[in-house]
PDB file of N, CA and C in Angstrom:
ATOM      1  N   UNK A   1     -27.866   5.806  39.727  1.00  0.00           N
ATOM      2  CA  UNK A   1     -28.193   6.126  41.064  1.00  0.00           C
ATOM      3  C   UNK A   1     -29.243   7.137  41.191  1.00  0.00           C
ATOM      4  N   UNK A   2     -30.041   6.986  42.247  1.00  0.00           N
ATOM      5  CA  UNK A   2     -31.206   7.931  42.593  1.00  0.00           C
ATOM      6  C   UNK A   2     -30.532   9.148  43.121  1.00  0.00           C
ATOM      7  N   UNK A   3     -31.163  10.137  43.109  1.00  0.00           N
ATOM      8  CA  UNK A   3     -30.923  11.595  43.698  1.00  0.00           C
ATOM      9  C   UNK A   3     -30.953  11.477  45.214  1.00  0.00           C
ATOM     10  N   UNK A   4     -31.442  11.052  45.969  1.00  0.00           N
ATOM     11  CA  UNK A   4     -31.447  10.751  47.294  1.00  0.00           C
ATOM     12  C   UNK A   4     -30.338   9.816  47.848  1.00  0.00           C
ATOM     13  N   UNK A   5     -29.795   9.142  46.928  1.00  0.00           N
ATOM     14  CA  UNK A   5     -28.436   8.083  47.489  1.00  0.00           C
ATOM     15  C   UNK A   5     -27.325   8.738  47.395  1.00  0.00           C
ATOM     16  N   UNK A   6     -26.663   8.629  48.498  1.00  0.00           N
ATOM     17  CA  UNK A   6     -25.027   8.953  48.586  1.00  0.00           C
ATOM     18  C   UNK A   6     -24.381   8.320  48.230  1.00  0.00           C
ATOM     19  N   UNK A   7     -23.211   8.771  47.486  1.00  0.00           N
ATOM     20  CA  UNK A   7     -22.183   7.765  46.989  1.00  0.00           C
ATOM     21  C   UNK A   7     -21.306   7.331  48.099  1.00  0.00           C
ATOM     22  N   UNK A   8     -20.877   5.898  47.946  1.00  0.00           N
ATOM     23  CA  UNK A   8     -20.207   5.405  48.867  1.00  0.00           C
ATOM     24  C   UNK A   8     -18.723   5.717  49.075  1.00  0.00           C
ATOM     25  N   UNK A   9     -18.388   5.718  50.231  1.00  0.00           N
ATOM     26  CA  UNK A   9     -16.835   6.237  50.394  1.00  0.00           C
ATOM     27  C   UNK A   9     -15.988   5.010  50.198  1.00  0.00           C
ATOM     28  N   UNK A  10     -14.621   5.413  50.196  1.00  0.00           N
ATOM     29  CA  UNK A  10     -13.889   4.091  50.338  1.00  0.00           C
ATOM     30  C   UNK A  10     -13.799   3.235  51.379  1.00  0.00           C
ATOM     31  N   UNK A  11     -13.997   4.120  52.657  1.00  0.00           N
ATOM     32  CA  UNK A  11     -14.183   3.333  54.020  1.00  0.00           C
ATOM     33  C   UNK A  11     -15.448   2.589  53.801  1.00  0.00           C
ATOM     34  N   UNK A  12     -16.588   2.897  53.400  1.00  0.00           N
ATOM     35  CA  UNK A  12     -17.760   2.447  53.272  1.00  0.00           C
ATOM     36  C   UNK A  12     -17.599   0.864  52.639  1.00  0.00           C
ATOM     37  N   UNK A  13     -17.200   1.017  51.084  1.00  0.00           N
ATOM     38  CA  UNK A  13     -16.650   0.081  50.325  1.00  0.00           C
ATOM     39  C   UNK A  13     -15.860  -1.084  51.263  1.00  0.00           C
ATOM     40  N   UNK A  14     -14.869  -0.875  52.062  1.00  0.00           N
ATOM     41  CA  UNK A  14     -13.692  -1.484  52.727  1.00  0.00           C
ATOM     42  C   UNK A  14     -14.675  -2.221  53.586  1.00  0.00           C
ATOM     43  N   UNK A  15     -15.586  -1.713  54.250  1.00  0.00           N
ATOM     44  CA  UNK A  15     -16.386  -2.262  55.325  1.00  0.00           C
ATOM     45  C   UNK A  15     -17.168  -3.475  54.825  1.00  0.00           C
ATOM     46  N   UNK A  16     -17.946  -2.953  53.835  1.00  0.00           N
ATOM     47  CA  UNK A  16     -18.802  -4.009  52.996  1.00  0.00           C
ATOM     48  C   UNK A  16     -17.992  -5.164  52.545  1.00  0.00           C
ATOM     49  N   UNK A  17     -16.766  -5.086  52.095  1.00  0.00           N
ATOM     50  CA  UNK A  17     -15.934  -5.910  51.513  1.00  0.00           C
ATOM     51  C   UNK A  17     -15.469  -6.749  52.514  1.00  0.00           C
ATOM     52  N   UNK A  18     -15.116  -6.315  53.791  1.00  0.00           N
ATOM     53  CA  UNK A  18     -14.521  -6.952  55.156  1.00  0.00           C
ATOM     54  C   UNK A  18     -15.528  -7.712  55.643  1.00  0.00           C
ATOM     55  N   UNK A  19     -17.006  -7.292  55.619  1.00  0.00           N
ATOM     56  CA  UNK A  19     -18.083  -8.002  55.914  1.00  0.00           C
ATOM     57  C   UNK A  19     -18.456  -9.362  55.402  1.00  0.00           C
ATOM     58  N   UNK A  20     -18.195  -9.139  53.655  1.00  0.00           N
ATOM     59  CA  UNK A  20     -18.575 -10.055  53.200  1.00  0.00           C
ATOM     60  C   UNK A  20     -17.589 -11.313  52.936  1.00  0.00           C
ATOM     61  N   UNK A  21     -16.353 -10.635  53.328  1.00  0.00           N
ATOM     62  CA  UNK A  21     -14.927 -11.738  53.616  1.00  0.00           C
ATOM     63  C   UNK A  21     -15.242 -12.691  54.988  1.00  0.00           C
ATOM     64  N   UNK A  22     -15.639 -11.601  55.897  1.00  0.00           N
ATOM     65  CA  UNK A  22     -15.995 -12.445  57.017  1.00  0.00           C
ATOM     66  C   UNK A  22     -16.883 -13.439  57.235  1.00  0.00           C
ATOM     67  N   UNK A  23     -18.056 -12.967  56.288  1.00  0.00           N
ATOM     68  CA  UNK A  23     -19.135 -14.094  55.982  1.00  0.00           C
ATOM     69  C   UNK A  23     -18.689 -15.543  55.463  1.00  0.00           C
ATOM     70  N   UNK A  24     -17.719 -15.022  54.289  1.00  0.00           N
ATOM     71  CA  UNK A  24     -17.255 -16.206  53.608  1.00  0.00           C
ATOM     72  C   UNK A  24     -16.289 -17.024  54.432  1.00  0.00           C
ATOM     73  N   UNK A  25     -15.614 -16.481  55.377  1.00  0.00           N
ATOM     74  CA  UNK A  25     -14.603 -16.980  56.271  1.00  0.00           C
ATOM     75  C   UNK A  25     -15.463 -18.014  57.206  1.00  0.00           C
ATOM     76  N   UNK A  26     -16.526 -17.364  57.643  1.00  0.00           N
ATOM     77  CA  UNK A  26     -17.255 -18.019  58.920  1.00  0.00           C
ATOM     78  C   UNK A  26     -18.050 -19.385  58.005  1.00  0.00           C
ATOM     79  N   UNK A  27     -18.520 -19.083  56.931  1.00  0.00           N
ATOM     80  CA  UNK A  27     -19.123 -20.305  56.092  1.00  0.00           C
ATOM     81  C   UNK A  27     -18.305 -21.444  55.955  1.00  0.00           C
ATOM     82  N   UNK A  28     -16.818 -21.042  55.457  1.00  0.00           N
ATOM     83  CA  UNK A  28     -16.070 -21.966  55.174  1.00  0.00           C
ATOM     84  C   UNK A  28     -15.506 -22.588  56.333  1.00  0.00           C
ATOM     85  N   UNK A  29     -15.516 -22.052  57.386  1.00  0.00           N
ATOM     86  CA  UNK A  29     -15.093 -22.641  58.869  1.00  0.00           C
ATOM     87  C   UNK A  29     -16.202 -23.789  59.396  1.00  0.00           C
ATOM     88  N   UNK A  30     -17.433 -23.060  59.263  1.00  0.00           N
ATOM     89  CA  UNK A  30     -18.482 -23.901  59.517  1.00  0.00           C
ATOM     90  C   UNK A  30     -18.524 -25.156  58.716  1.00  0.00           C
ATOM     91  N   UNK A  31     -18.327 -25.135  57.370  1.00  0.00           N
ATOM     92  CA  UNK A  31     -18.376 -26.364  56.479  1.00  0.00           C
ATOM     93  C   UNK A  31     -17.240 -27.381  57.060  1.00  0.00           C
ATOM     94  N   UNK A  32     -16.306 -26.594  56.995  1.00  0.00           N
ATOM     95  CA  UNK A  32     -15.037 -27.396  57.312  1.00  0.00           C
ATOM     96  C   UNK A  32     -15.336 -28.378  58.914  1.00  0.00           C
ATOM     97  N   UNK A  33     -15.830 -27.625  59.723  1.00  0.00           N
ATOM     98  CA  UNK A  33     -16.210 -28.249  61.121  1.00  0.00           C
ATOM     99  C   UNK A  33     -17.204 -29.265  60.749  1.00  0.00           C
ATOM    100  N   UNK A  34     -18.049 -28.982  59.979  1.00  0.00           N
ATOM    101  CA  UNK A  34     -19.171 -30.024  59.715  1.00  0.00           C
ATOM    102  C   UNK A  34     -18.661 -31.368  59.081  1.00  0.00           C
ATOM    103  N   UNK A  35     -17.797 -31.020  58.058  1.00  0.00           N
ATOM    104  CA  UNK A  35     -16.961 -32.214  57.329  1.00  0.00           C
ATOM    105  C   UNK A  35     -16.131 -33.254  58.134  1.00  0.00           C
ATOM    106  N   UNK A  36     -15.551 -32.326  59.105  1.00  0.00           N
ATOM    107  CA  UNK A  36     -14.724 -32.891  60.200  1.00  0.00           C
ATOM    108  C   UNK A  36     -15.625 -33.734  61.006  1.00  0.00           C
ATOM    109  N   UNK A  37     -16.568 -33.176  61.671  1.00  0.00           N
ATOM    110  CA  UNK A  37     -17.310 -33.953  62.640  1.00  0.00           C
ATOM    111  C   UNK A  37     -17.907 -35.032  61.761  1.00  0.00           C
ATOM    112  N   UNK A  38     -18.370 -34.960  60.508  1.00  0.00           N
ATOM    113  CA  UNK A  38     -18.911 -35.925  59.860  1.00  0.00           C
ATOM    114  C   UNK A  38     -18.103 -37.095  59.541  1.00  0.00           C
ATOM    115  N   UNK A  39     -16.849 -36.656  59.391  1.00  0.00           N
ATOM    116  CA  UNK A  39     -15.716 -37.782  59.216  1.00  0.00           C
ATOM    117  C   UNK A  39     -15.576 -38.633  60.342  1.00  0.00           C
ATOM    118  N   UNK A  40     -15.448 -37.899  61.604  1.00  0.00           N
ATOM    119  CA  UNK A  40     -15.048 -38.389  62.735  1.00  0.00           C
ATOM    120  C   UNK A  40     -16.414 -39.643  63.164  1.00  0.00           C
ATOM    121  N   UNK A  41     -17.649 -39.177  62.883  1.00  0.00           N
ATOM    122  CA  UNK A  41     -18.711 -40.196  63.151  1.00  0.00           C
ATOM    123  C   UNK A  41     -18.472 -40.956  62.247  1.00  0.00           C
ATOM    124  N   UNK A  42     -17.966 -41.103  60.938  1.00  0.00           N
ATOM    125  CA  UNK A  42     -18.076 -42.193  60.245  1.00  0.00           C
ATOM    126  C   UNK A  42     -17.094 -42.942  60.559  1.00  0.00           C
ATOM    127  N   UNK A  43     -16.095 -42.411  61.104  1.00  0.00           N
ATOM    128  CA  UNK A  43     -14.846 -43.244  61.533  1.00  0.00           C
ATOM    129  C   UNK A  43     -14.983 -44.034  62.675  1.00  0.00           C
ATOM    130  N   UNK A  44     -15.707 -43.369  63.436  1.00  0.00           N
ATOM    131  CA  UNK A  44     -16.470 -44.020  64.712  1.00  0.00           C
ATOM    132  C   UNK A  44     -17.337 -45.275  64.365  1.00  0.00           C
ATOM    133  N   UNK A  45     -18.275 -45.023  63.537  1.00  0.00           N
ATOM    134  CA  UNK A  45     -18.944 -45.989  63.025  1.00  0.00           C
ATOM    135  C   UNK A  45     -18.314 -47.128  62.234  1.00  0.00           C
ATOM    136  N   UNK A  46     -17.166 -46.801  61.535  1.00  0.00           N
ATOM    137  CA  UNK A  46     -16.470 -47.982  60.973  1.00  0.00           C
ATOM    138  C   UNK A  46     -15.799 -48.924  62.268  1.00  0.00           C
ATOM    139  N   UNK A  47     -15.248 -48.265  63.213  1.00  0.00           N
ATOM    140  CA  UNK A  47     -14.642 -48.825  64.305  1.00  0.00           C
ATOM    141  C   UNK A  47     -15.532 -49.736  64.789  1.00  0.00           C
ATOM    142  N   UNK A  48     -16.915 -49.077  65.333  1.00  0.00           N
ATOM    143  CA  UNK A  48     -17.837 -49.867  66.210  1.00  0.00           C
ATOM    144  C   UNK A  48     -18.432 -51.258  65.204  1.00  0.00           C
ATOM    145  N   UNK A  49     -18.581 -51.105  64.091  1.00  0.00           N
ATOM    146  CA  UNK A  49     -18.788 -52.225  63.018  1.00  0.00           C
ATOM    147  C   UNK A  49     -17.685 -52.871  63.038  1.00  0.00           C
ATOM    148  N   UNK A  50     -16.520 -52.872  63.105  1.00  0.00           N
ATOM    149  CA  UNK A  50     -15.295 -53.607  62.952  1.00  0.00           C
ATOM    150  C   UNK A  50     -15.452 -54.593  64.515  1.00  0.00           C
ATOM    151  N   UNK A  51     -15.648 -53.907  65.461  1.00  0.00           N
ATOM    152  CA  UNK A  51     -15.799 -54.366  66.768  1.00  0.00           C
ATOM    153  C   UNK A  51     -17.234 -55.565  66.889  1.00  0.00           C
ATOM    154  N   UNK A  52     -18.060 -55.006  66.236  1.00  0.00           N
ATOM    155  CA  UNK A  52     -19.314 -55.879  66.447  1.00  0.00           C
ATOM    156  C   UNK A  52     -19.082 -56.991  65.460  1.00  0.00           C
ATOM    157  N   UNK A  53     -18.369 -56.670  64.215  1.00  0.00           N
ATOM    158  CA  UNK A  53     -18.223 -57.816  63.388  1.00  0.00           C
ATOM    159  C   UNK A  53     -17.314 -59.072  64.010  1.00  0.00           C
ATOM    160  N   UNK A  54     -16.198 -58.537  64.912  1.00  0.00           N
ATOM    161  CA  UNK A  54     -15.276 -59.410  65.183  1.00  0.00           C
ATOM    162  C   UNK A  54     -15.786 -60.021  66.408  1.00  0.00           C
ATOM    163  N   UNK A  55     -16.692 -59.527  67.192  1.00  0.00           N
ATOM    164  CA  UNK A  55     -17.267 -60.338  68.244  1.00  0.00           C
ATOM    165  C   UNK A  55     -18.423 -61.219  67.802  1.00  0.00           C
ATOM    166  N   UNK A  56     -18.911 -60.895  66.627  1.00  0.00           N
ATOM    167  CA  UNK A  56     -20.069 -61.938  65.831  1.00  0.00           C
ATOM    168  C   UNK A  56     -19.109 -63.295  65.355  1.00  0.00           C
ATOM    169  N   UNK A  57     -18.021 -62.812  64.645  1.00  0.00           N
ATOM    170  CA  UNK A  57     -17.327 -63.764  64.341  1.00  0.00           C
ATOM    171  C   UNK A  57     -16.818 -64.727  65.136  1.00  0.00           C
ATOM    172  N   UNK A  58     -16.129 -64.162  66.221  1.00  0.00           N
ATOM    173  CA  UNK A  58     -15.609 -65.240  67.160  1.00  0.00           C
ATOM    174  C   UNK A  58     -16.844 -65.881  68.064  1.00  0.00           C
ATOM    175  N   UNK A  59     -17.952 -65.260  68.255  1.00  0.00           N
ATOM    176  CA  UNK A  59     -18.923 -65.975  68.894  1.00  0.00           C
ATOM    177  C   UNK A  59     -19.666 -67.082  67.954  1.00  0.00           C
ATOM    178  N   UNK A  60     -19.471 -66.914  66.627  1.00  0.00           N
ATOM    179  CA  UNK A  60     -19.872 -67.884  65.778  1.00  0.00           C
ATOM    180  C   UNK A  60     -18.745 -69.207  65.839  1.00  0.00           C
ATOM    181  N   UNK A  61     -17.522 -68.608  65.758  1.00  0.00           N
ATOM    182  CA  UNK A  61     -16.783 -69.800  65.950  1.00  0.00           C
ATOM    183  C   UNK A  61     -16.582 -70.676  66.799  1.00  0.00           C
ATOM    184  N   UNK A  62     -16.820 -69.975  67.959  1.00  0.00           N
ATOM    185  CA  UNK A  62     -16.796 -70.915  69.160  1.00  0.00           C
ATOM    186  C   UNK A  62     -18.485 -71.507  69.689  1.00  0.00           C
ATOM    187  N   UNK A  63     -19.458 -70.569  69.141  1.00  0.00           N
ATOM    188  CA  UNK A  63     -20.681 -71.146  69.310  1.00  0.00           C
ATOM    189  C   UNK A  63     -21.331 -72.304  68.617  1.00  0.00           C
ATOM    190  N   UNK A  64     -20.869 -72.470  67.241  1.00  0.00           N
ATOM    191  CA  UNK A  64     -21.187 -73.569  66.379  1.00  0.00           C
ATOM    192  C   UNK A  64     -20.526 -74.845  66.916  1.00  0.00           C
ATOM    193  N   UNK A  65     -19.290 -75.009  67.331  1.00  0.00           N
ATOM    194  CA  UNK A  65     -19.241 -76.337  67.606  1.00  0.00           C
ATOM    195  C   UNK A  65     -19.586 -76.535  68.978  1.00  0.00           C
ATOM    196  N   UNK A  66     -19.654 -75.547  69.823  1.00  0.00           N
ATOM    197  CA  UNK A  66     -20.258 -75.880  71.312  1.00  0.00           C
ATOM    198  C   UNK A  66     -21.861 -76.354  70.978  1.00  0.00           C
ATOM    199  N   UNK A  67     -22.434 -75.626  70.483  1.00  0.00           N
ATOM    200  CA  UNK A  67     -23.792 -76.155  70.061  1.00  0.00           C
ATOM    201  C   UNK A  67     -24.119 -77.447  69.788  1.00  0.00           C
ATOM    202  N   UNK A  68     -23.120 -77.711  68.452  1.00  0.00           N
ATOM    203  CA  UNK A  68     -23.246 -79.189  67.974  1.00  0.00           C
ATOM    204  C   UNK A  68     -22.877 -79.904  69.101  1.00  0.00           C
ATOM    205  N   UNK A  69     -22.012 -79.623  69.886  1.00  0.00           N
ATOM    206  CA  UNK A  69     -21.457 -80.821  70.988  1.00  0.00           C
ATOM    207  C   UNK A  69     -22.790 -80.960  71.836  1.00  0.00           C
ATOM    208  N   UNK A  70     -23.456 -79.940  72.461  1.00  0.00           N
ATOM    209  CA  UNK A  70     -24.576 -80.034  73.254  1.00  0.00           C
ATOM    210  C   UNK A  70     -25.754 -80.736  72.695  1.00  0.00           C
ATOM    211  N   UNK A  71     -25.899 -80.459  71.309  1.00  0.00           N
ATOM    212  CA  UNK A  71     -27.098 -81.168  70.634  1.00  0.00           C
ATOM    213  C   UNK A  71     -26.968 -82.625  70.611  1.00  0.00           C
ATOM    214  N   UNK A  72     -25.363 -83.144  70.404  1.00  0.00           N
ATOM    215  CA  UNK A  72     -24.940 -84.262  70.431  1.00  0.00           C
ATOM    216  C   UNK A  72     -25.276 -85.048  71.644  1.00  0.00           C
ATOM    217  N   UNK A  73     -24.749 -84.627  72.756  1.00  0.00           N
ATOM    218  CA  UNK A  73     -24.998 -84.892  74.065  1.00  0.00           C
ATOM    219  C   UNK A  73     -26.598 -85.142  74.419  1.00  0.00           C
ATOM    220  N   UNK A  74     -27.373 -84.092  73.938  1.00  0.00           N
ATOM    221  CA  UNK A  74     -28.763 -83.921  74.486  1.00  0.00           C
ATOM    222  C   UNK A  74     -29.395 -85.525  73.414  1.00  0.00           C
ATOM    223  N   UNK A  75     -29.005 -85.400  72.413  1.00  0.00           N
ATOM    224  CA  UNK A  75     -29.644 -86.364  71.410  1.00  0.00           C
ATOM    225  C   UNK A  75     -29.447 -88.114  72.202  1.00  0.00           C
ATOM    226  N   UNK A  76     -27.995 -88.150  72.344  1.00  0.00           N
ATOM    227  CA  UNK A  76     -27.523 -89.431  72.967  1.00  0.00           C
ATOM    228  C   UNK A  76     -28.289 -89.671  74.271  1.00  0.00           C
ATOM    229  N   UNK A  77     -28.574 -88.832  75.079  1.00  0.00           N
ATOM    230  CA  UNK A  77     -29.102 -88.830  76.650  1.00  0.00           C
ATOM    231  C   UNK A  77     -30.765 -89.145  76.289  1.00  0.00           C
ATOM    232  N   UNK A  78     -31.408 -88.866  75.077  1.00  0.00           N
ATOM    233  CA  UNK A  78     -32.592 -88.786  74.776  1.00  0.00           C
ATOM    234  C   UNK A  78     -32.705 -90.103  74.283  1.00  0.00           C
ATOM    235  N   UNK A  79     -32.052 -90.502  74.056  1.00  0.00           N
ATOM    236  CA  UNK A  79     -32.236 -92.134  72.950  1.00  0.00           C
ATOM    237  C   UNK A  79     -31.632 -93.120  74.149  1.00  0.00           C
ATOM    238  N   UNK A  80     -31.285 -92.616  75.131  1.00  0.00           N
ATOM    239  CA  UNK A  80     -30.871 -93.639  76.342  1.00  0.00           C
ATOM    240  C   UNK A  80     -29.334 -94.455  76.220  1.00  0.00           C
ATOM    241  N   UNK A  81     -28.655 -93.861  75.199  1.00  0.00           N
ATOM    242  CA  UNK A  81     -27.002 -94.310  75.079  1.00  0.00           C
ATOM    243  C   UNK A  81     -26.313 -93.559  76.309  1.00  0.00           C
ATOM    244  N   UNK A  82     -25.365 -94.332  76.466  1.00  0.00           N
ATOM    245  CA  UNK A  82     -24.160 -93.533  77.548  1.00  0.00           C
ATOM    246  C   UNK A  82     -23.370 -92.431  76.397  1.00  0.00           C
ATOM    247  N   UNK A  83     -23.117 -91.239  77.132  1.00  0.00           N
ATOM    248  CA  UNK A  83     -22.468 -90.452  76.693  1.00  0.00           C
ATOM    249  C   UNK A  83     -21.079 -90.396  77.079  1.00  0.00           C
TER     250      UNK A  83
END
């Protein structure tokens, strides 16, 4: 200890410990909030992906036979046969 430094009192030590504990709590709450928000965003992405996948699946199931029928009719009309 230098000659110009004053020894810390118990109150100053308690204040420093409280500030450190406050900082640790702030960081912990901040990280917890960030993890929670990240998890919610991932959940939203999962839900949106499931909706898009479901819509694509349904459109493919409906669209493929419908496209085949339309192509069949167009070919029959182009060749001059009755549909």
